[in-house]
């Protein structure tokens, strides 16, 4: 038996079920956590749709990196990519 759709599985067991469409969007995550804090009487679950390795070219959607720590070389590359991404998202002053 497959696990999808996962939210429907939890709902069928009477859980409060919240789904975050973009688990990389901090506003959506915060909103779900705030909503979950108001729910009572049943177990709660938040399902966040995310992309493995999001933002790192050699990791993104590569299952082999899931749960694996990068070595020093790969860590340096990842931090450089994240820094460039952050810089591109920061408004010019």
N, C-alpha and C. Protein backbone atom coordinates (compact mmCIF):
# COMPACT_ATOMS: atom_id res chain seq x y z
N UNK A 1 0.84 -1.17 0.00
CA UNK A 1 0.00 0.00 0.00
C UNK A 1 0.89 1.25 0.00
N UNK A 2 0.65 2.12 -0.94
CA UNK A 2 1.44 3.35 -1.04
C UNK A 2 1.09 4.35 0.04
N UNK A 3 1.95 5.32 0.23
CA UNK A 3 1.72 6.32 1.27
C UNK A 3 1.03 7.58 0.72
N UNK A 4 0.89 7.67 -0.58
CA UNK A 4 0.31 8.89 -1.17
C UNK A 4 -1.15 8.67 -1.51
N UNK A 5 -1.99 9.66 -1.33
CA UNK A 5 -1.68 10.99 -0.80
C UNK A 5 -1.56 10.95 0.72
N UNK A 6 -0.43 11.40 1.20
CA UNK A 6 -0.10 11.32 2.61
C UNK A 6 -1.07 12.10 3.49
N UNK A 7 -1.47 13.30 3.03
CA UNK A 7 -2.40 14.09 3.84
C UNK A 7 -3.72 13.35 4.05
N UNK A 8 -4.20 12.66 3.04
CA UNK A 8 -5.46 11.92 3.16
C UNK A 8 -5.33 10.76 4.14
N UNK A 9 -4.16 10.16 4.20
CA UNK A 9 -3.93 9.07 5.16
C UNK A 9 -4.09 9.59 6.59
N UNK A 10 -3.44 10.72 6.89
CA UNK A 10 -3.55 11.29 8.24
C UNK A 10 -4.99 11.72 8.54
N UNK A 11 -5.64 12.34 7.56
CA UNK A 11 -7.02 12.77 7.76
C UNK A 11 -7.92 11.57 8.06
N UNK A 12 -7.66 10.44 7.41
CA UNK A 12 -8.50 9.26 7.62
C UNK A 12 -8.37 8.72 9.04
N UNK A 13 -7.27 9.05 9.71
CA UNK A 13 -7.08 8.66 11.12
C UNK A 13 -7.46 9.79 12.07
N UNK A 14 -8.16 10.80 11.51
CA UNK A 14 -8.71 11.90 12.30
C UNK A 14 -7.64 12.84 12.88
N UNK A 15 -6.53 13.00 12.18
CA UNK A 15 -5.51 13.96 12.59
C UNK A 15 -5.86 15.32 12.01
N UNK A 16 -5.51 16.39 12.74
CA UNK A 16 -5.49 17.72 12.15
C UNK A 16 -4.33 17.69 11.15
N UNK A 17 -4.60 17.99 9.90
CA UNK A 17 -3.59 17.87 8.85
C UNK A 17 -3.43 19.20 8.13
N UNK A 18 -2.22 19.74 8.18
CA UNK A 18 -1.90 20.98 7.49
C UNK A 18 -0.86 20.68 6.42
N UNK A 19 -1.02 21.28 5.26
CA UNK A 19 -0.10 21.05 4.15
C UNK A 19 0.53 22.38 3.75
N UNK A 20 1.85 22.39 3.68
CA UNK A 20 2.60 23.57 3.22
C UNK A 20 3.02 23.28 1.79
N UNK A 21 2.52 24.07 0.86
CA UNK A 21 2.81 23.82 -0.56
C UNK A 21 4.27 24.08 -0.90
N UNK A 22 4.88 25.10 -0.28
CA UNK A 22 6.29 25.39 -0.50
C UNK A 22 7.00 25.39 0.85
N UNK A 23 7.53 24.24 1.21
CA UNK A 23 8.20 24.08 2.50
C UNK A 23 9.48 24.88 2.63
N UNK A 24 9.89 25.58 1.57
CA UNK A 24 11.07 26.45 1.63
C UNK A 24 10.67 27.90 1.90
N UNK A 25 9.38 28.16 1.95
CA UNK A 25 8.86 29.50 2.19
C UNK A 25 8.61 29.67 3.69
N UNK A 26 9.46 30.45 4.34
CA UNK A 26 9.37 30.60 5.79
C UNK A 26 8.03 31.17 6.25
N UNK A 27 7.43 32.03 5.43
CA UNK A 27 6.13 32.57 5.80
C UNK A 27 5.07 31.47 5.85
N UNK A 28 5.11 30.56 4.89
CA UNK A 28 4.16 29.45 4.88
C UNK A 28 4.40 28.51 6.07
N UNK A 29 5.66 28.28 6.39
CA UNK A 29 5.99 27.42 7.53
C UNK A 29 5.50 28.06 8.83
N UNK A 30 5.79 29.34 9.00
CA UNK A 30 5.35 30.07 10.20
C UNK A 30 3.83 30.05 10.31
N UNK A 31 3.13 30.27 9.21
CA UNK A 31 1.67 30.27 9.20
C UNK A 31 1.13 28.90 9.63
N UNK A 32 1.72 27.84 9.12
CA UNK A 32 1.27 26.49 9.50
C UNK A 32 1.53 26.21 10.98
N UNK A 33 2.69 26.62 11.48
CA UNK A 33 3.00 26.42 12.89
C UNK A 33 2.04 27.21 13.79
N UNK A 34 1.75 28.44 13.39
CA UNK A 34 0.80 29.26 14.15
C UNK A 34 -0.58 28.61 14.16
N UNK A 35 -1.01 28.13 13.01
CA UNK A 35 -2.32 27.47 12.91
C UNK A 35 -2.33 26.19 13.76
N UNK A 36 -1.27 25.40 13.68
CA UNK A 36 -1.20 24.16 14.45
C UNK A 36 -1.30 24.43 15.95
N UNK A 37 -0.75 25.53 16.39
CA UNK A 37 -0.77 25.87 17.82
C UNK A 37 -2.19 26.11 18.31
N UNK A 38 -3.12 26.42 17.41
CA UNK A 38 -4.50 26.69 17.82
C UNK A 38 -5.38 25.45 17.79
N UNK A 39 -4.88 24.39 17.18
CA UNK A 39 -5.69 23.17 17.03
C UNK A 39 -5.61 22.31 18.28
N UNK A 40 -6.74 21.77 18.68
CA UNK A 40 -6.77 20.97 19.91
C UNK A 40 -7.58 19.70 19.70
N UNK A 41 -7.39 18.75 20.61
CA UNK A 41 -8.24 17.59 20.70
C UNK A 41 -7.84 16.39 19.87
N UNK A 42 -6.95 16.57 18.92
CA UNK A 42 -6.49 15.47 18.07
C UNK A 42 -5.01 15.66 17.77
N UNK A 43 -4.35 14.60 17.36
CA UNK A 43 -2.95 14.76 16.93
C UNK A 43 -2.88 15.71 15.73
N UNK A 44 -1.70 16.30 15.55
CA UNK A 44 -1.48 17.24 14.45
C UNK A 44 -0.31 16.78 13.61
N UNK A 45 -0.40 17.07 12.33
CA UNK A 45 0.72 16.82 11.44
C UNK A 45 0.81 17.97 10.44
N UNK A 46 2.04 18.37 10.15
CA UNK A 46 2.28 19.37 9.11
C UNK A 46 3.12 18.67 8.04
N UNK A 47 2.61 18.68 6.83
CA UNK A 47 3.32 18.08 5.69
C UNK A 47 3.83 19.23 4.83
N UNK A 48 5.14 19.31 4.67
CA UNK A 48 5.75 20.38 3.89
C UNK A 48 6.33 19.80 2.60
N UNK A 49 5.87 20.32 1.48
CA UNK A 49 6.43 19.90 0.20
C UNK A 49 7.75 20.63 -0.01
N UNK A 50 8.83 19.88 -0.11
CA UNK A 50 10.17 20.46 -0.26
C UNK A 50 10.92 19.76 -1.38
N UNK A 51 12.05 20.31 -1.71
CA UNK A 51 12.95 19.74 -2.72
C UNK A 51 14.25 19.40 -2.01
N UNK A 52 14.67 18.15 -2.12
CA UNK A 52 15.94 17.74 -1.51
C UNK A 52 17.09 18.59 -2.05
N UNK A 53 17.90 19.13 -1.15
CA UNK A 53 19.08 19.89 -1.57
C UNK A 53 18.78 21.20 -2.25
N UNK A 54 17.62 21.77 -2.01
CA UNK A 54 17.17 23.00 -2.68
C UNK A 54 18.25 24.08 -2.65
N UNK A 55 18.56 24.61 -3.82
CA UNK A 55 19.49 25.73 -3.93
C UNK A 55 20.94 25.36 -4.12
N UNK A 56 21.25 24.06 -4.06
CA UNK A 56 22.63 23.61 -4.27
C UNK A 56 22.65 22.78 -5.55
N UNK A 57 23.32 23.27 -6.58
CA UNK A 57 23.23 22.67 -7.91
C UNK A 57 23.54 21.18 -7.93
N UNK A 58 24.56 20.76 -7.24
CA UNK A 58 24.94 19.35 -7.30
C UNK A 58 24.13 18.47 -6.35
N UNK A 59 23.33 19.07 -5.46
CA UNK A 59 22.52 18.31 -4.51
C UNK A 59 21.04 18.27 -4.87
N UNK A 60 20.55 19.32 -5.52
CA UNK A 60 19.11 19.46 -5.73
C UNK A 60 18.53 18.27 -6.48
N UNK A 61 17.56 17.64 -5.84
CA UNK A 61 16.85 16.47 -6.37
C UNK A 61 17.75 15.26 -6.63
N UNK A 62 18.89 15.19 -5.96
CA UNK A 62 19.78 14.03 -6.08
C UNK A 62 19.63 13.22 -4.79
N UNK A 63 18.96 12.09 -4.91
CA UNK A 63 18.63 11.28 -3.73
C UNK A 63 19.87 10.86 -2.93
N UNK A 64 21.00 10.68 -3.58
CA UNK A 64 22.21 10.25 -2.90
C UNK A 64 22.71 11.23 -1.84
N UNK A 65 22.28 12.49 -1.93
CA UNK A 65 22.68 13.49 -0.94
C UNK A 65 21.72 13.57 0.23
N UNK A 66 20.58 12.93 0.12
CA UNK A 66 19.57 13.02 1.18
C UNK A 66 20.11 12.37 2.45
N UNK A 67 20.27 13.17 3.51
CA UNK A 67 20.76 12.66 4.79
C UNK A 67 22.26 12.44 4.84
N UNK A 68 22.97 12.92 3.84
CA UNK A 68 24.43 12.73 3.79
C UNK A 68 25.11 14.10 3.96
N UNK A 69 26.05 14.17 4.87
CA UNK A 69 26.78 15.42 5.09
C UNK A 69 27.84 15.58 4.00
N UNK A 70 28.00 16.80 3.49
CA UNK A 70 29.04 17.03 2.48
C UNK A 70 30.44 17.04 3.11
N UNK A 71 31.43 16.63 2.31
CA UNK A 71 32.81 16.76 2.77
C UNK A 71 33.19 18.25 2.69
N UNK A 72 34.40 18.60 3.12
CA UNK A 72 34.80 20.02 3.17
C UNK A 72 34.71 20.70 1.80
N UNK A 73 35.14 20.02 0.77
CA UNK A 73 35.11 20.61 -0.58
C UNK A 73 33.67 20.92 -1.00
N UNK A 74 32.79 19.93 -0.85
CA UNK A 74 31.40 20.12 -1.24
C UNK A 74 30.71 21.16 -0.34
N UNK A 75 31.09 21.20 0.93
CA UNK A 75 30.52 22.19 1.84
C UNK A 75 30.87 23.60 1.35
N UNK A 76 32.13 23.80 0.98
CA UNK A 76 32.56 25.11 0.48
C UNK A 76 31.79 25.52 -0.76
N UNK A 77 31.59 24.57 -1.68
CA UNK A 77 30.82 24.85 -2.90
C UNK A 77 29.38 25.22 -2.55
N UNK A 78 28.79 24.46 -1.63
CA UNK A 78 27.40 24.72 -1.23
C UNK A 78 27.26 26.09 -0.59
N UNK A 79 28.16 26.42 0.31
CA UNK A 79 28.09 27.73 0.98
C UNK A 79 28.26 28.87 -0.02
N UNK A 80 29.16 28.67 -1.00
CA UNK A 80 29.34 29.70 -2.04
C UNK A 80 28.05 29.89 -2.84
N UNK A 81 27.39 28.79 -3.21
CA UNK A 81 26.14 28.88 -3.97
C UNK A 81 25.04 29.55 -3.16
N UNK A 82 24.94 29.20 -1.88
CA UNK A 82 23.92 29.81 -1.04
C UNK A 82 24.19 31.30 -0.84
N UNK A 83 25.45 31.66 -0.70
CA UNK A 83 25.81 33.07 -0.54
C UNK A 83 25.43 33.85 -1.80
N UNK A 84 25.73 33.31 -2.98
CA UNK A 84 25.37 33.98 -4.23
C UNK A 84 23.86 34.12 -4.34
N UNK A 85 23.15 33.08 -3.93
CA UNK A 85 21.68 33.12 -3.98
C UNK A 85 21.15 34.19 -3.03
N UNK A 86 21.70 34.23 -1.82
CA UNK A 86 21.28 35.25 -0.84
C UNK A 86 21.54 36.65 -1.37
N UNK A 87 22.74 36.85 -1.96
CA UNK A 87 23.09 38.15 -2.50
C UNK A 87 22.13 38.57 -3.61
N UNK A 88 21.69 37.63 -4.44
CA UNK A 88 20.80 37.95 -5.53
C UNK A 88 19.39 38.27 -5.05
N UNK A 89 19.03 37.82 -3.85
CA UNK A 89 17.70 38.07 -3.30
C UNK A 89 17.65 39.33 -2.44
N UNK A 90 18.82 39.84 -2.06
CA UNK A 90 18.89 41.02 -1.19
C UNK A 90 18.76 42.27 -2.06
N UNK A 91 17.80 43.14 -1.73
CA UNK A 91 17.63 44.37 -2.51
C UNK A 91 18.89 45.25 -2.45
N UNK A 92 19.21 45.89 -3.56
CA UNK A 92 20.37 46.80 -3.61
C UNK A 92 20.08 48.02 -2.77
N UNK A 93 21.09 48.51 -2.06
CA UNK A 93 20.92 49.67 -1.17
C UNK A 93 21.38 50.92 -1.87
